[in-house]
Amino acid sequence: MLDTHCRKYINPIIERTAKLFIYLGFSANKITILAFLVGMFTSVMIYCNTSIVACTLLWISGFLDSIDGAVARITKSSSSIGTLMDIVSDRVVEIGIILAIGIINYNVRLELIILTSTIVISMTVFLTVGALSVHKGVKSFYYQAGMMERTEGFIMFTLMILFPKYLSCIILIFALFIIITVFQRINEARKILN
């Protein structure tokens, strides 16, 4: 939701930063790798119980994740392999965060399994609709908007990291929001795929 509706406000910052990275010689794929490494280091910081550092790295990773696509568009170097790298690295970072939280908070492992299951279902719908749709957006595939997009996920992960006392409740709310998004995307898919 926020990614779709707020992108126009943040886009000038993303574009300027993308041009800086291009000037420094970074390709889109190199930025994807950098975003992935920063994102994975987030999990290490969660495990080390350094919440503020973990959250900071998470958001830096997310910002870099938006830069790689801008670099690809500006340099006209968008590729299927770049899209694959981006989507897979995003999911691996999320799994790393979930695993790190689960390792240090054994009492919420069931809730984390539920959350992971909802993410799998949501991504299955998202990617299937993207693959089946003839529509193309700004990205290299059809991007279905929904209640839970990347920014909302980062907000929920941030809350999970910063407020471990309420972890179970935050995780279940996160999972509920993802399920609502699944139904939104299925409803939209029924319209665009018919």
N, C-alpha and C. Protein backbone atom coordinates (compact mmCIF):
# COMPACT_ATOMS: atom_id res chain seq x y z
N MET A 1 0.82 -1.18 0.00
CA MET A 1 0.00 0.00 0.00
C MET A 1 0.88 1.26 0.00
N LEU A 2 1.81 1.33 0.95
CA LEU A 2 2.68 2.51 1.01
C LEU A 2 3.61 2.57 -0.20
N ASP A 3 4.12 1.41 -0.63
CA ASP A 3 5.00 1.39 -1.80
C ASP A 3 4.28 1.96 -3.02
N THR A 4 3.03 1.55 -3.18
CA THR A 4 2.26 1.98 -4.34
C THR A 4 1.87 3.45 -4.26
N HIS A 5 1.41 3.88 -3.10
CA HIS A 5 0.86 5.23 -2.98
C HIS A 5 1.88 6.32 -2.62
N CYS A 6 3.01 5.94 -2.04
CA CYS A 6 4.00 6.95 -1.62
C CYS A 6 5.22 7.00 -2.53
N ARG A 7 5.28 6.10 -3.48
CA ARG A 7 6.46 6.02 -4.35
C ARG A 7 6.74 7.35 -5.04
N LYS A 8 5.68 8.05 -5.48
CA LYS A 8 5.88 9.30 -6.21
C LYS A 8 6.57 10.37 -5.35
N TYR A 9 6.41 10.28 -4.02
CA TYR A 9 7.04 11.26 -3.14
C TYR A 9 8.50 10.91 -2.86
N ILE A 10 8.79 9.64 -2.82
CA ILE A 10 10.14 9.18 -2.50
C ILE A 10 10.99 9.00 -3.75
N ASN A 11 10.33 8.87 -4.90
CA ASN A 11 11.03 8.62 -6.15
C ASN A 11 12.15 9.61 -6.47
N PRO A 12 11.97 10.93 -6.24
CA PRO A 12 13.08 11.85 -6.53
C PRO A 12 14.36 11.52 -5.73
N ILE A 13 14.20 11.11 -4.48
CA ILE A 13 15.36 10.73 -3.65
C ILE A 13 16.00 9.46 -4.20
N ILE A 14 15.14 8.49 -4.57
CA ILE A 14 15.63 7.23 -5.13
C ILE A 14 16.39 7.49 -6.43
N GLU A 15 15.82 8.33 -7.29
CA GLU A 15 16.45 8.63 -8.59
C GLU A 15 17.81 9.31 -8.40
N ARG A 16 17.87 10.29 -7.49
CA ARG A 16 19.16 10.99 -7.25
C ARG A 16 20.20 10.02 -6.69
N THR A 17 19.78 9.17 -5.77
CA THR A 17 20.71 8.20 -5.19
C THR A 17 21.16 7.20 -6.24
N ALA A 18 20.23 6.78 -7.10
CA ALA A 18 20.57 5.85 -8.17
C ALA A 18 21.62 6.46 -9.09
N LYS A 19 21.47 7.73 -9.43
CA LYS A 19 22.44 8.40 -10.30
C LYS A 19 23.81 8.50 -9.63
N LEU A 20 23.82 8.68 -8.30
CA LEU A 20 25.08 8.68 -7.57
C LEU A 20 25.76 7.31 -7.66
N PHE A 21 24.98 6.25 -7.46
CA PHE A 21 25.55 4.90 -7.56
C PHE A 21 26.05 4.61 -8.97
N ILE A 22 25.34 5.08 -9.97
CA ILE A 22 25.80 4.91 -11.36
C ILE A 22 27.12 5.64 -11.55
N TYR A 23 27.20 6.86 -11.05
CA TYR A 23 28.43 7.65 -11.13
C TYR A 23 29.60 6.92 -10.46
N LEU A 24 29.30 6.24 -9.35
CA LEU A 24 30.35 5.50 -8.62
C LEU A 24 30.68 4.15 -9.25
N GLY A 25 29.97 3.80 -10.33
CA GLY A 25 30.29 2.58 -11.07
C GLY A 25 29.54 1.34 -10.64
N PHE A 26 28.47 1.51 -9.89
CA PHE A 26 27.68 0.36 -9.45
C PHE A 26 26.66 -0.03 -10.51
N SER A 27 26.56 -1.31 -10.78
CA SER A 27 25.48 -1.81 -11.64
C SER A 27 24.28 -2.14 -10.74
N ALA A 28 23.13 -2.35 -11.35
CA ALA A 28 21.94 -2.71 -10.59
C ALA A 28 22.16 -4.01 -9.82
N ASN A 29 22.78 -4.99 -10.46
CA ASN A 29 23.00 -6.28 -9.79
C ASN A 29 23.96 -6.16 -8.61
N LYS A 30 24.94 -5.30 -8.72
CA LYS A 30 25.87 -5.09 -7.59
C LYS A 30 25.13 -4.46 -6.41
N ILE A 31 24.20 -3.56 -6.71
CA ILE A 31 23.42 -2.94 -5.63
C ILE A 31 22.48 -3.97 -5.00
N THR A 32 21.92 -4.87 -5.82
CA THR A 32 21.08 -5.95 -5.28
C THR A 32 21.90 -6.81 -4.31
N ILE A 33 23.11 -7.13 -4.69
CA ILE A 33 23.99 -7.93 -3.82
C ILE A 33 24.31 -7.16 -2.54
N LEU A 34 24.59 -5.88 -2.66
CA LEU A 34 24.88 -5.04 -1.49
C LEU A 34 23.67 -4.99 -0.56
N ALA A 35 22.47 -4.79 -1.12
CA ALA A 35 21.24 -4.78 -0.32
C ALA A 35 21.06 -6.11 0.39
N PHE A 36 21.35 -7.19 -0.31
CA PHE A 36 21.23 -8.54 0.27
C PHE A 36 22.20 -8.70 1.45
N LEU A 37 23.45 -8.31 1.27
CA LEU A 37 24.44 -8.47 2.33
C LEU A 37 24.09 -7.62 3.56
N VAL A 38 23.67 -6.39 3.34
CA VAL A 38 23.25 -5.53 4.46
C VAL A 38 22.04 -6.16 5.15
N GLY A 39 21.09 -6.66 4.35
CA GLY A 39 19.90 -7.30 4.91
C GLY A 39 20.25 -8.53 5.74
N MET A 40 21.19 -9.33 5.27
CA MET A 40 21.59 -10.52 6.03
C MET A 40 22.31 -10.15 7.31
N PHE A 41 23.07 -9.06 7.27
CA PHE A 41 23.75 -8.61 8.48
C PHE A 41 22.73 -8.15 9.53
N THR A 42 21.54 -7.75 9.07
CA THR A 42 20.45 -7.42 9.98
C THR A 42 20.16 -8.60 10.89
N SER A 43 20.10 -9.80 10.31
CA SER A 43 19.82 -11.01 11.09
C SER A 43 20.89 -11.25 12.15
N VAL A 44 22.14 -11.01 11.78
CA VAL A 44 23.25 -11.17 12.73
C VAL A 44 23.07 -10.20 13.90
N MET A 45 22.69 -8.97 13.61
CA MET A 45 22.49 -7.97 14.65
C MET A 45 21.28 -8.31 15.54
N ILE A 46 20.26 -8.91 14.97
CA ILE A 46 19.12 -9.37 15.78
C ILE A 46 19.60 -10.44 16.74
N TYR A 47 20.37 -11.39 16.22
CA TYR A 47 20.89 -12.47 17.06
C TYR A 47 21.80 -11.92 18.16
N CYS A 48 22.56 -10.88 17.86
CA CYS A 48 23.45 -10.26 18.85
C CYS A 48 22.71 -9.30 19.79
N ASN A 49 21.39 -9.19 19.59
CA ASN A 49 20.54 -8.37 20.44
C ASN A 49 20.90 -6.88 20.39
N THR A 50 21.25 -6.42 19.21
CA THR A 50 21.50 -4.99 19.00
C THR A 50 20.37 -4.46 18.11
N SER A 51 19.24 -4.18 18.73
CA SER A 51 18.00 -3.87 18.02
C SER A 51 18.09 -2.63 17.15
N ILE A 52 18.67 -1.55 17.65
CA ILE A 52 18.72 -0.30 16.88
C ILE A 52 19.59 -0.49 15.64
N VAL A 53 20.73 -1.16 15.80
CA VAL A 53 21.61 -1.42 14.66
C VAL A 53 20.89 -2.31 13.65
N ALA A 54 20.21 -3.34 14.14
CA ALA A 54 19.46 -4.25 13.26
C ALA A 54 18.42 -3.49 12.45
N CYS A 55 17.65 -2.64 13.11
CA CYS A 55 16.60 -1.87 12.42
C CYS A 55 17.21 -0.91 11.40
N THR A 56 18.31 -0.27 11.77
CA THR A 56 18.98 0.65 10.85
C THR A 56 19.45 -0.09 9.60
N LEU A 57 20.07 -1.24 9.79
CA LEU A 57 20.54 -2.03 8.65
C LEU A 57 19.37 -2.51 7.80
N LEU A 58 18.29 -2.89 8.45
CA LEU A 58 17.10 -3.35 7.72
C LEU A 58 16.61 -2.26 6.76
N TRP A 59 16.50 -1.04 7.25
CA TRP A 59 16.00 0.05 6.42
C TRP A 59 17.00 0.48 5.35
N ILE A 60 18.30 0.40 5.66
CA ILE A 60 19.31 0.68 4.63
C ILE A 60 19.19 -0.37 3.52
N SER A 61 19.04 -1.62 3.91
CA SER A 61 18.86 -2.69 2.94
C SER A 61 17.63 -2.43 2.06
N GLY A 62 16.54 -2.02 2.69
CA GLY A 62 15.32 -1.73 1.93
C GLY A 62 15.50 -0.58 0.97
N PHE A 63 16.22 0.46 1.41
CA PHE A 63 16.46 1.60 0.53
C PHE A 63 17.32 1.18 -0.66
N LEU A 64 18.37 0.40 -0.40
CA LEU A 64 19.21 -0.10 -1.49
C LEU A 64 18.40 -0.97 -2.44
N ASP A 65 17.43 -1.70 -1.89
CA ASP A 65 16.59 -2.57 -2.69
C ASP A 65 15.74 -1.75 -3.67
N SER A 66 15.41 -0.53 -3.32
CA SER A 66 14.66 0.32 -4.25
C SER A 66 15.60 1.01 -5.25
N ILE A 67 16.86 1.13 -4.89
CA ILE A 67 17.83 1.80 -5.77
C ILE A 67 18.20 0.91 -6.95
N ASP A 68 18.30 -0.40 -6.72
CA ASP A 68 18.76 -1.28 -7.81
C ASP A 68 17.83 -1.23 -9.02
N GLY A 69 16.51 -1.21 -8.76
CA GLY A 69 15.57 -1.12 -9.87
C GLY A 69 15.67 0.21 -10.61
N ALA A 70 15.88 1.29 -9.86
CA ALA A 70 16.04 2.61 -10.48
C ALA A 70 17.29 2.65 -11.35
N VAL A 71 18.37 2.07 -10.87
CA VAL A 71 19.61 2.02 -11.65
C VAL A 71 19.38 1.22 -12.94
N ALA A 72 18.67 0.09 -12.81
CA ALA A 72 18.40 -0.73 -14.00
C ALA A 72 17.56 0.04 -15.03
N ARG A 73 16.59 0.80 -14.55
CA ARG A 73 15.74 1.58 -15.48
C ARG A 73 16.53 2.72 -16.13
N ILE A 74 17.30 3.45 -15.31
CA ILE A 74 18.07 4.59 -15.85
C ILE A 74 19.09 4.12 -16.88
N THR A 75 19.78 3.03 -16.59
CA THR A 75 20.83 2.53 -17.48
C THR A 75 20.29 1.57 -18.54
N LYS A 76 18.97 1.37 -18.52
CA LYS A 76 18.32 0.45 -19.47
C LYS A 76 18.96 -0.93 -19.44
N SER A 77 19.23 -1.40 -18.21
CA SER A 77 19.88 -2.70 -18.04
C SER A 77 18.99 -3.69 -17.29
N SER A 78 17.67 -3.43 -17.29
CA SER A 78 16.76 -4.37 -16.63
C SER A 78 16.91 -5.74 -17.28
N SER A 79 16.91 -6.76 -16.43
CA SER A 79 17.06 -8.12 -16.95
C SER A 79 16.24 -9.08 -16.11
N SER A 80 15.93 -10.20 -16.71
CA SER A 80 15.19 -11.25 -15.99
C SER A 80 16.01 -11.77 -14.82
N ILE A 81 17.31 -11.92 -15.01
CA ILE A 81 18.16 -12.43 -13.93
C ILE A 81 18.23 -11.42 -12.79
N GLY A 82 18.22 -10.13 -13.12
CA GLY A 82 18.22 -9.10 -12.09
C GLY A 82 16.93 -9.14 -11.27
N THR A 83 15.80 -9.32 -11.96
CA THR A 83 14.51 -9.45 -11.27
C THR A 83 14.52 -10.67 -10.36
N LEU A 84 15.03 -11.78 -10.87
CA LEU A 84 15.12 -13.01 -10.06
C LEU A 84 15.99 -12.79 -8.83
N MET A 85 17.16 -12.20 -9.03
CA MET A 85 18.07 -11.93 -7.91
C MET A 85 17.38 -11.05 -6.85
N ASP A 86 16.67 -10.04 -7.31
CA ASP A 86 16.01 -9.10 -6.40
C ASP A 86 14.93 -9.79 -5.57
N ILE A 87 14.07 -10.54 -6.22
CA ILE A 87 12.97 -11.20 -5.50
C ILE A 87 13.49 -12.26 -4.55
N VAL A 88 14.43 -13.07 -5.01
CA VAL A 88 14.98 -14.14 -4.15
C VAL A 88 15.73 -13.54 -2.96
N SER A 89 16.54 -12.53 -3.20
CA SER A 89 17.31 -11.94 -2.08
C SER A 89 16.37 -11.30 -1.06
N ASP A 90 15.28 -10.68 -1.52
CA ASP A 90 14.29 -10.12 -0.58
C ASP A 90 13.74 -11.20 0.34
N ARG A 91 13.38 -12.34 -0.24
CA ARG A 91 12.80 -13.42 0.57
C ARG A 91 13.84 -14.03 1.52
N VAL A 92 15.08 -14.16 1.06
CA VAL A 92 16.13 -14.72 1.92
C VAL A 92 16.38 -13.80 3.11
N VAL A 93 16.38 -12.49 2.88
CA VAL A 93 16.55 -11.53 3.98
C VAL A 93 15.40 -11.68 4.98
N GLU A 94 14.18 -11.78 4.48
CA GLU A 94 13.03 -11.96 5.38
C GLU A 94 13.15 -13.26 6.18
N ILE A 95 13.54 -14.35 5.51
CA ILE A 95 13.71 -15.63 6.20
C ILE A 95 14.81 -15.52 7.25
N GLY A 96 15.90 -14.81 6.92
CA GLY A 96 16.98 -14.63 7.89
C GLY A 96 16.50 -13.91 9.13
N ILE A 97 15.68 -12.88 8.95
CA ILE A 97 15.13 -12.14 10.10
C ILE A 97 14.23 -13.05 10.93
N ILE A 98 13.36 -13.79 10.26
CA ILE A 98 12.45 -14.70 10.97
C ILE A 98 13.24 -15.76 11.73
N LEU A 99 14.27 -16.33 11.11
CA LEU A 99 15.09 -17.33 11.79
C LEU A 99 15.82 -16.75 12.99
N ALA A 100 16.39 -15.56 12.83
CA ALA A 100 17.12 -14.94 13.95
C ALA A 100 16.17 -14.68 15.12
N ILE A 101 14.98 -14.17 14.81
CA ILE A 101 14.00 -13.93 15.88
C ILE A 101 13.59 -15.25 16.53
N GLY A 102 13.40 -16.29 15.71
CA GLY A 102 13.01 -17.60 16.24
C GLY A 102 14.08 -18.26 17.09
N ILE A 103 15.34 -18.04 16.75
CA ILE A 103 16.44 -18.63 17.51
C ILE A 103 16.49 -18.03 18.92
N ILE A 104 16.28 -16.73 19.03
CA ILE A 104 16.41 -16.10 20.35
C ILE A 104 15.08 -16.00 21.10
N ASN A 105 13.96 -16.32 20.42
CA ASN A 105 12.64 -16.25 21.05
C ASN A 105 11.88 -17.56 20.77
N TYR A 106 12.32 -18.62 21.41
CA TYR A 106 11.73 -19.94 21.13
C TYR A 106 10.23 -20.00 21.42
N ASN A 107 9.73 -19.11 22.27
CA ASN A 107 8.32 -19.14 22.67
C ASN A 107 7.37 -18.65 21.56
N VAL A 108 7.90 -18.07 20.47
CA VAL A 108 7.02 -17.59 19.39
C VAL A 108 7.27 -18.34 18.08
N ARG A 109 7.84 -19.52 18.17
CA ARG A 109 8.16 -20.26 16.95
C ARG A 109 6.91 -20.67 16.18
N LEU A 110 5.84 -21.03 16.86
CA LEU A 110 4.61 -21.37 16.16
C LEU A 110 4.08 -20.16 15.39
N GLU A 111 4.09 -19.00 16.04
CA GLU A 111 3.64 -17.78 15.37
C GLU A 111 4.52 -17.46 14.16
N LEU A 112 5.82 -17.71 14.27
CA LEU A 112 6.73 -17.46 13.15
C LEU A 112 6.48 -18.44 12.01
N ILE A 113 6.10 -19.68 12.33
CA ILE A 113 5.75 -20.65 11.29
C ILE A 113 4.49 -20.17 10.56
N ILE A 114 3.52 -19.67 11.32
CA ILE A 114 2.30 -19.13 10.71
C ILE A 114 2.65 -17.96 9.80
N LEU A 115 3.49 -17.04 10.29
CA LEU A 115 3.90 -15.88 9.50
C LEU A 115 4.59 -16.32 8.22
N THR A 116 5.53 -17.25 8.33
CA THR A 116 6.26 -17.73 7.16
C THR A 116 5.31 -18.37 6.15
N SER A 117 4.34 -19.11 6.64
CA SER A 117 3.35 -19.74 5.75
C SER A 117 2.55 -18.70 5.00
N THR A 118 2.15 -17.63 5.68
CA THR A 118 1.38 -16.59 5.00
C THR A 118 2.22 -15.87 3.95
N ILE A 119 3.51 -15.68 4.25
CA ILE A 119 4.40 -15.05 3.27
C ILE A 119 4.53 -15.93 2.03
N VAL A 120 4.67 -17.24 2.23
CA VAL A 120 4.78 -18.16 1.09
C VAL A 120 3.52 -18.10 0.23
N ILE A 121 2.35 -18.12 0.88
CA ILE A 121 1.09 -18.06 0.14
C ILE A 121 0.98 -16.74 -0.61
N SER A 122 1.30 -15.64 0.05
CA SER A 122 1.21 -14.32 -0.57
C SER A 122 2.15 -14.21 -1.77
N MET A 123 3.37 -14.66 -1.62
CA MET A 123 4.33 -14.58 -2.71
C MET A 123 3.95 -15.50 -3.86
N THR A 124 3.33 -16.63 -3.56
CA THR A 124 2.87 -17.54 -4.61
C THR A 124 1.81 -16.85 -5.46
N VAL A 125 0.85 -16.21 -4.82
CA VAL A 125 -0.19 -15.48 -5.56
C VAL A 125 0.45 -14.33 -6.34
N PHE A 126 1.28 -13.53 -5.68
CA PHE A 126 1.92 -12.37 -6.29
C PHE A 126 2.71 -12.76 -7.54
N LEU A 127 3.55 -13.77 -7.42
CA LEU A 127 4.41 -14.16 -8.53
C LEU A 127 3.63 -14.85 -9.64
N THR A 128 2.62 -15.64 -9.27
CA THR A 128 1.82 -16.31 -10.29
C THR A 128 1.03 -15.30 -11.11
N VAL A 129 0.40 -14.35 -10.45
CA VAL A 129 -0.34 -13.31 -11.17
C VAL A 129 0.63 -12.50 -12.04
N GLY A 130 1.81 -12.19 -11.50
CA GLY A 130 2.81 -11.46 -12.29
C GLY A 130 3.23 -12.23 -13.52
N ALA A 131 3.38 -13.54 -13.40
CA ALA A 131 3.80 -14.37 -14.54
C ALA A 131 2.68 -14.53 -15.57
N LEU A 132 1.45 -14.61 -15.10
CA LEU A 132 0.32 -14.84 -16.01
C LEU A 132 -0.23 -13.57 -16.64
N SER A 133 0.07 -12.44 -16.06
CA SER A 133 -0.49 -11.19 -16.53
C SER A 133 0.27 -10.67 -17.74
N VAL A 134 -0.48 -10.11 -18.68
CA VAL A 134 0.16 -9.49 -19.85
C VAL A 134 0.52 -8.05 -19.57
N HIS A 135 0.02 -7.51 -18.44
CA HIS A 135 0.30 -6.12 -18.07
C HIS A 135 1.71 -6.01 -17.53
N LYS A 136 2.35 -4.92 -17.84
CA LYS A 136 3.67 -4.62 -17.27
C LYS A 136 3.58 -3.28 -16.58
N GLY A 137 4.30 -3.15 -15.48
CA GLY A 137 4.31 -1.88 -14.77
C GLY A 137 5.68 -1.24 -14.88
N VAL A 138 6.01 -0.43 -13.88
CA VAL A 138 7.33 0.19 -13.83
C VAL A 138 8.39 -0.88 -13.65
N LYS A 139 8.02 -1.94 -12.94
CA LYS A 139 8.95 -3.04 -12.71
C LYS A 139 8.92 -3.95 -13.94
N SER A 140 9.76 -4.98 -13.95
CA SER A 140 9.85 -5.85 -15.13
C SER A 140 8.75 -6.90 -15.16
N PHE A 141 7.81 -6.83 -14.25
CA PHE A 141 6.67 -7.74 -14.23
C PHE A 141 5.49 -6.99 -13.64
N TYR A 142 4.31 -7.59 -13.75
CA TYR A 142 3.13 -6.92 -13.22
C TYR A 142 3.19 -6.93 -11.70
N TYR A 143 3.11 -5.76 -11.09
CA TYR A 143 3.23 -5.61 -9.65
C TYR A 143 1.85 -5.38 -9.05
N GLN A 144 1.38 -6.36 -8.27
CA GLN A 144 0.09 -6.24 -7.62
C GLN A 144 0.23 -5.49 -6.31
N ALA A 145 -0.49 -4.40 -6.19
CA ALA A 145 -0.50 -3.65 -4.93
C ALA A 145 -1.34 -4.42 -3.92
N GLY A 146 -1.17 -4.07 -2.67
CA GLY A 146 -1.95 -4.72 -1.62
C GLY A 146 -1.71 -4.04 -0.29
N MET A 147 -2.44 -4.49 0.71
CA MET A 147 -2.32 -3.92 2.04
C MET A 147 -0.90 -4.05 2.59
N MET A 148 -0.29 -5.22 2.38
CA MET A 148 1.07 -5.47 2.86
C MET A 148 2.03 -5.53 1.69
N GLU A 149 2.82 -4.49 1.56
CA GLU A 149 3.88 -4.47 0.57
C GLU A 149 5.20 -4.44 1.32
N ARG A 150 6.27 -4.17 0.65
CA ARG A 150 7.62 -4.24 1.26
C ARG A 150 7.76 -3.27 2.44
N THR A 151 7.29 -2.03 2.29
CA THR A 151 7.46 -1.05 3.37
C THR A 151 6.68 -1.46 4.61
N GLU A 152 5.44 -1.92 4.42
CA GLU A 152 4.65 -2.38 5.58
C GLU A 152 5.33 -3.58 6.25
N GLY A 153 5.93 -4.45 5.44
CA GLY A 153 6.67 -5.57 6.01
C GLY A 153 7.85 -5.10 6.85
N PHE A 154 8.55 -4.08 6.35
CA PHE A 154 9.67 -3.52 7.11
C PHE A 154 9.19 -2.89 8.42
N ILE A 155 8.05 -2.23 8.37
CA ILE A 155 7.49 -1.65 9.60
C ILE A 155 7.19 -2.76 10.60
N MET A 156 6.57 -3.84 10.13
CA MET A 156 6.23 -4.94 11.05
C MET A 156 7.49 -5.62 11.59
N PHE A 157 8.49 -5.83 10.72
CA PHE A 157 9.75 -6.42 11.20
C PHE A 157 10.41 -5.50 12.23
N THR A 158 10.35 -4.20 11.99
CA THR A 158 10.92 -3.24 12.94
C THR A 158 10.22 -3.34 14.30
N LEU A 159 8.90 -3.42 14.27
CA LEU A 159 8.15 -3.57 15.53
C LEU A 159 8.52 -4.88 16.22
N MET A 160 8.70 -5.94 15.44
CA MET A 160 9.09 -7.23 16.02
C MET A 160 10.45 -7.14 16.70
N ILE A 161 11.38 -6.43 16.08
CA ILE A 161 12.73 -6.29 16.63
C ILE A 161 12.74 -5.40 17.87
N LEU A 162 12.01 -4.30 17.82
CA LEU A 162 12.07 -3.31 18.90
C LEU A 162 11.21 -3.65 20.11
N PHE A 163 10.15 -4.42 19.91
CA PHE A 163 9.22 -4.69 21.00
C PHE A 163 9.03 -6.19 21.23
N PRO A 164 10.09 -6.87 21.68
CA PRO A 164 10.00 -8.33 21.87
C PRO A 164 8.95 -8.75 22.89
N LYS A 165 8.59 -7.86 23.80
CA LYS A 165 7.57 -8.17 24.80
C LYS A 165 6.22 -8.46 24.14
N TYR A 166 5.97 -7.82 23.00
CA TYR A 166 4.69 -7.98 22.29
C TYR A 166 4.85 -8.78 21.00
N LEU A 167 5.91 -9.57 20.93
CA LEU A 167 6.28 -10.27 19.71
C LEU A 167 5.17 -11.16 19.17
N SER A 168 4.57 -11.96 20.01
CA SER A 168 3.52 -12.88 19.56
C SER A 168 2.37 -12.13 18.90
N CYS A 169 1.92 -11.08 19.52
CA CYS A 169 0.81 -10.28 19.00
C CYS A 169 1.20 -9.60 17.68
N ILE A 170 2.39 -9.03 17.62
CA ILE A 170 2.85 -8.34 16.40
C ILE A 170 2.94 -9.33 15.24
N ILE A 171 3.49 -10.51 15.50
CA ILE A 171 3.63 -11.52 14.45
C ILE A 171 2.26 -11.94 13.91
N LEU A 172 1.31 -12.18 14.80
CA LEU A 172 -0.01 -12.62 14.36
C LEU A 172 -0.75 -11.51 13.60
N ILE A 173 -0.57 -10.25 14.01
CA ILE A 173 -1.17 -9.14 13.26
C ILE A 173 -0.53 -9.05 11.88
N PHE A 174 0.77 -9.20 11.81
CA PHE A 174 1.52 -9.22 10.55
C PHE A 174 0.94 -10.30 9.64
N ALA A 175 0.79 -11.52 10.16
CA ALA A 175 0.26 -12.64 9.38
C ALA A 175 -1.17 -12.35 8.91
N LEU A 176 -1.99 -11.76 9.76
CA LEU A 176 -3.36 -11.41 9.39
C LEU A 176 -3.37 -10.41 8.25
N PHE A 177 -2.53 -9.38 8.32
CA PHE A 177 -2.46 -8.38 7.26
C PHE A 177 -2.02 -9.02 5.93
N ILE A 178 -1.12 -9.98 6.02
CA ILE A 178 -0.67 -10.68 4.80
C ILE A 178 -1.82 -11.48 4.20
N ILE A 179 -2.59 -12.16 5.03
CA ILE A 179 -3.73 -12.94 4.54
C ILE A 179 -4.76 -12.01 3.88
N ILE A 180 -5.00 -10.85 4.47
CA ILE A 180 -5.91 -9.88 3.85
C ILE A 180 -5.38 -9.49 2.47
N THR A 181 -4.08 -9.29 2.38
CA THR A 181 -3.44 -8.95 1.10
C THR A 181 -3.62 -10.07 0.08
N VAL A 182 -3.49 -11.32 0.54
CA VAL A 182 -3.70 -12.47 -0.34
C VAL A 182 -5.09 -12.41 -0.96
N PHE A 183 -6.10 -12.17 -0.14
CA PHE A 183 -7.46 -12.10 -0.66
C PHE A 183 -7.65 -10.90 -1.60
N GLN A 184 -7.00 -9.77 -1.29
CA GLN A 184 -7.05 -8.62 -2.20
C GLN A 184 -6.47 -8.99 -3.56
N ARG A 185 -5.32 -9.66 -3.55
CA ARG A 185 -4.64 -10.00 -4.79
C ARG A 185 -5.40 -11.07 -5.58
N ILE A 186 -6.00 -12.03 -4.89
CA ILE A 186 -6.80 -13.04 -5.59
C ILE A 186 -8.02 -12.37 -6.23
N ASN A 187 -8.65 -11.46 -5.52
CA ASN A 187 -9.80 -10.74 -6.06
C ASN A 187 -9.41 -9.94 -7.31
N GLU A 188 -8.27 -9.24 -7.23
CA GLU A 188 -7.79 -8.50 -8.40
C GLU A 188 -7.44 -9.45 -9.53
N ALA A 189 -6.82 -10.58 -9.20
CA ALA A 189 -6.42 -11.55 -10.23
C ALA A 189 -7.62 -12.08 -10.99
N ARG A 190 -8.73 -12.29 -10.30
CA ARG A 190 -9.95 -12.76 -10.97
C ARG A 190 -10.40 -11.77 -12.04
N LYS A 191 -10.16 -10.48 -11.80
CA LYS A 191 -10.57 -9.45 -12.76
C LYS A 191 -9.60 -9.35 -13.93
N ILE A 192 -8.30 -9.37 -13.64
CA ILE A 192 -7.32 -9.12 -14.72
C ILE A 192 -6.98 -10.37 -15.52
N LEU A 193 -7.21 -11.56 -14.97
CA LEU A 193 -6.85 -12.79 -15.69
C LEU A 193 -8.01 -13.37 -16.47
N ASN A 194 -9.21 -12.82 -16.31
CA ASN A 194 -10.37 -13.32 -17.08
C ASN A 194 -10.43 -12.66 -18.43
